[in-house]
Protein backbone atom coordinates (compact mmCIF):
# COMPACT_ATOMS: atom_id res chain seq x y z
CA MET A 1 12.72 45.54 4.28
CA ILE A 2 14.68 48.42 5.69
CA ASP A 3 14.91 48.18 9.46
CA SER A 4 17.34 50.82 10.60
CA PRO A 5 16.84 52.26 14.08
CA ALA A 6 17.79 55.81 13.04
CA ILE A 7 15.50 56.10 10.05
CA SER A 8 12.80 53.98 11.66
CA VAL A 9 12.42 56.14 14.74
CA ARG A 10 12.43 59.43 12.83
CA ALA A 11 10.12 58.23 10.07
CA HIS A 12 7.69 56.61 12.50
CA LEU A 13 7.61 59.77 14.62
CA ALA A 14 7.08 62.00 11.58
CA ILE A 15 4.18 59.87 10.37
CA SER A 16 2.70 59.80 13.88
CA ASP A 17 2.96 63.58 14.23
CA ILE A 18 1.24 64.15 10.89
CA LEU A 19 -1.56 61.69 11.58
CA ASN A 20 -2.13 63.03 15.10
CA GLU A 21 -2.41 66.55 13.69
CA VAL A 22 -4.87 65.38 11.02
CA CYS A 23 -6.91 63.49 13.59
CA LYS A 24 -6.98 66.55 15.85
CA ASN A 25 -8.08 68.85 13.03
CA ASP A 26 -10.70 66.38 11.76
CA ASN A 27 -11.99 65.49 15.22
CA THR A 28 -11.16 61.89 14.35
CA ALA A 29 -10.50 59.50 17.18
CA THR A 30 -6.79 59.59 17.96
CA ALA A 31 -6.98 56.00 19.19
CA ASP A 32 -6.91 54.91 15.56
CA SER A 33 -3.90 57.09 14.75
CA GLU A 34 -1.43 54.54 16.21
CA LYS A 35 -2.86 51.81 14.00
CA TRP A 36 -2.75 54.15 10.99
CA THR A 37 0.80 55.20 11.85
CA ASP A 38 1.97 51.60 11.93
CA ALA A 39 0.26 50.83 8.62
CA ALA A 40 1.68 53.96 6.94
CA PHE A 41 5.15 53.26 8.33
CA ASN A 42 5.14 49.68 7.04
CA THR A 43 4.08 50.96 3.62
CA PHE A 44 6.89 53.55 3.74
CA LYS A 45 9.51 50.91 4.61
CA SER A 46 8.36 48.64 1.78
CA ALA A 47 8.34 51.51 -0.72
CA LEU A 48 11.80 52.67 0.32
CA ALA A 49 13.23 49.16 0.10
CA SER A 50 12.02 48.78 -3.48
CA ALA A 51 12.45 52.38 -4.68
CA TYR A 52 16.09 52.11 -5.67
CA THR A 53 16.89 49.75 -8.52
CA LYS A 54 19.13 49.69 -11.58
CA ASP A 55 16.20 51.28 -13.43
CA THR A 56 15.80 54.21 -11.02
CA VAL A 57 19.39 55.03 -10.00
CA ALA A 58 22.12 56.29 -12.30
CA THR A 59 25.23 58.40 -11.96
CA PHE A 60 25.92 61.56 -13.88
CA ASP A 61 28.55 61.63 -16.60
CA GLY A 62 31.97 62.43 -15.27
CA MET A 63 31.28 61.82 -11.56
CA LEU A 64 34.01 59.23 -10.98
CA ASP A 65 36.51 61.32 -12.94
CA PHE A 66 35.58 64.31 -10.79
CA PHE A 67 35.95 62.29 -7.57
CA ASN A 68 39.36 61.08 -8.77
CA GLN A 69 40.41 64.64 -9.60
CA LEU A 70 39.46 65.75 -6.08
CA LYS A 71 41.26 62.84 -4.45
CA GLN A 72 44.41 63.33 -6.57
CA SER A 73 44.53 66.95 -5.41
CA GLY A 74 44.58 65.78 -1.78
CA ARG A 75 40.92 66.39 -1.04
CA LYS A 76 38.62 63.88 0.65
CA VAL A 77 35.37 62.83 -1.00
CA VAL A 78 32.70 62.02 1.56
CA LEU A 79 29.10 61.28 0.70
CA ASN A 80 26.50 61.84 3.37
CA THR A 81 22.83 61.00 3.33
CA GLY A 82 19.77 61.11 5.51
CA TYR A 83 19.11 57.52 4.46
CA ASP A 84 20.08 54.55 6.59
CA ILE A 85 23.20 52.50 5.86
CA GLN A 86 21.30 49.70 4.07
CA THR A 87 19.68 52.08 1.60
CA ALA A 88 22.90 54.04 1.06
CA ASN A 89 24.92 50.89 0.44
CA LYS A 90 22.27 49.59 -1.94
CA ILE A 91 22.57 52.80 -3.96
CA LEU A 92 26.39 52.60 -3.97
CA THR A 93 26.20 48.99 -5.14
CA ILE A 94 23.84 49.90 -7.98
CA LEU A 95 26.20 52.71 -9.03
CA GLY A 96 29.22 50.42 -8.74
CA TRP A 97 30.90 52.81 -6.31
CA SER A 98 32.99 51.69 -3.37
CA VAL A 99 34.21 53.34 -0.17
CA GLY A 100 38.00 53.32 -0.25
CA ARG A 101 38.17 53.16 -4.03
CA ASP A 102 35.79 55.78 -5.45
CA ILE A 103 34.95 57.77 -2.32
CA ASP A 104 36.77 58.16 0.96
CA ALA A 105 33.79 57.71 3.27
CA LEU A 106 30.03 57.33 3.50
CA ILE A 107 28.20 58.90 6.44
CA THR A 108 24.52 58.02 6.95
CA ALA A 109 21.75 58.90 9.36
CA ASP A 110 22.64 55.70 11.22
CA ASP A 111 26.06 57.13 12.10
CA VAL A 112 24.84 60.20 14.01
CA HIS A 113 22.38 61.16 16.69
CA ASN A 114 20.94 64.19 14.88
CA GLY A 115 20.04 64.16 11.22
CA ARG A 116 19.90 67.10 8.85
CA PRO A 117 19.83 70.02 9.13
CA ALA A 118 22.04 69.43 12.19
CA PRO A 119 25.75 69.44 11.29
CA ASP A 120 26.46 66.03 12.88
CA MET A 121 27.24 64.15 9.65
CA ILE A 122 29.68 66.84 8.51
CA THR A 123 31.26 66.97 11.97
CA LEU A 124 31.72 63.19 11.93
CA ALA A 125 33.35 63.33 8.49
CA MET A 126 35.72 66.03 9.74
CA GLU A 127 36.63 63.89 12.76
CA LYS A 128 37.31 60.85 10.53
CA PHE A 129 39.86 62.79 8.50
CA GLY A 130 41.31 65.08 11.17
CA ILE A 131 39.86 68.27 9.69
CA GLU A 132 39.74 70.85 12.46
CA HIS A 133 38.26 73.84 10.67
CA SER A 134 34.89 73.62 8.94
CA GLN A 135 35.95 76.51 6.70
CA GLN A 136 38.02 73.87 4.85
CA VAL A 137 34.84 71.91 4.01
CA LEU A 138 32.76 72.28 0.87
CA LYS A 139 29.20 71.00 1.26
CA ALA A 140 27.26 70.35 -1.93
CA GLY A 141 23.72 69.09 -2.17
CA ASP A 142 20.55 69.17 -4.21
CA SER A 143 18.12 70.23 -1.48
CA GLY A 144 17.57 73.10 0.90
CA ILE A 145 18.20 70.87 3.88
CA ASP A 146 21.65 70.04 2.45
CA ILE A 147 22.47 73.74 2.31
CA GLU A 148 21.12 74.27 5.85
CA GLU A 149 23.32 71.41 7.05
CA GLY A 150 26.39 73.05 5.50
CA LYS A 151 25.50 76.45 6.95
CA ASN A 152 24.93 74.91 10.40
CA ALA A 153 28.36 73.27 10.17
CA HIS A 154 29.88 76.64 9.11
CA CYS A 155 31.34 75.11 5.95
CA GLY A 156 33.62 77.31 3.90
CA LEU A 157 31.46 76.83 0.82
CA CYS A 158 27.86 75.64 0.50
CA VAL A 159 26.87 74.67 -3.03
CA GLY A 160 23.42 73.90 -4.36
CA VAL A 161 23.13 71.62 -7.38
CA LEU A 162 20.13 71.34 -9.68
CA THR A 163 20.19 67.57 -10.11
CA GLY A 164 17.44 66.98 -7.55
CA VAL A 165 13.82 68.03 -7.48
CA GLN A 166 14.35 71.57 -6.18
CA THR A 167 14.63 74.45 -8.63
CA HIS A 168 17.18 77.26 -8.66
CA VAL A 169 14.62 79.58 -7.04
CA GLN A 170 13.86 77.05 -4.32
CA LEU A 171 17.54 76.46 -3.53
CA GLU A 172 18.31 80.19 -3.49
CA LYS A 173 15.92 80.57 -0.52
CA TYR A 174 18.56 78.76 1.57
CA SER A 175 21.34 81.19 0.59
CA PRO A 176 23.91 78.84 -0.92
CA ASP A 177 27.20 80.40 -1.95
CA ILE A 178 26.55 79.23 -5.50
CA VAL A 179 24.05 77.09 -7.43
CA LEU A 180 25.36 74.86 -10.21
CA GLU A 181 23.62 72.73 -12.82
CA LYS A 182 25.48 69.62 -11.66
CA LEU A 183 28.18 68.66 -9.18
CA THR A 184 30.81 68.10 -11.86
CA ASP A 185 30.59 71.83 -12.71
CA LEU A 186 32.66 72.34 -9.55
CA ALA A 187 35.72 71.03 -11.42
CA ALA A 188 36.02 74.33 -13.26
CA LEU A 189 35.92 76.27 -9.97
CA ILE A 190 38.40 74.25 -7.92
């Protein structure tokens, strides 16, 4: 089971807010909403813990070569995620990636006070590597909230990638600087 304070508090609060709103709109007794929140949250934690397996997680062709190309050119490769550290490390283990070897750092929701779209994870990554100007940072992600995070951090380049569930049209609503099919397409631009 995942039991991270950062993700737990936010997820529990989100579920509670939704159920309280439903109860209010349905004139359902809100006394039951706490019980329902706890039940929904426990289901969420179980589902999250089992969602990522060797069968559901895979890397894209050329990712490690691309990371190596970035690192050899003096750039830092930092992954950040709204997931907690346990989930993020589980995914890295499944992919066979390692901090220090394949990527320079991993920043998770557990590492910061404010999650996305706040810029806290990007700011922390900058602090770790002594980067003073956010204009030197490229933020890439497959969701609108990733792009918002980059914009809120005033990154020099905010890139949307189509390897997630959001479409080109959906990502464009967040005004990325560019939308690419996949992250490795950046190699041709750098």
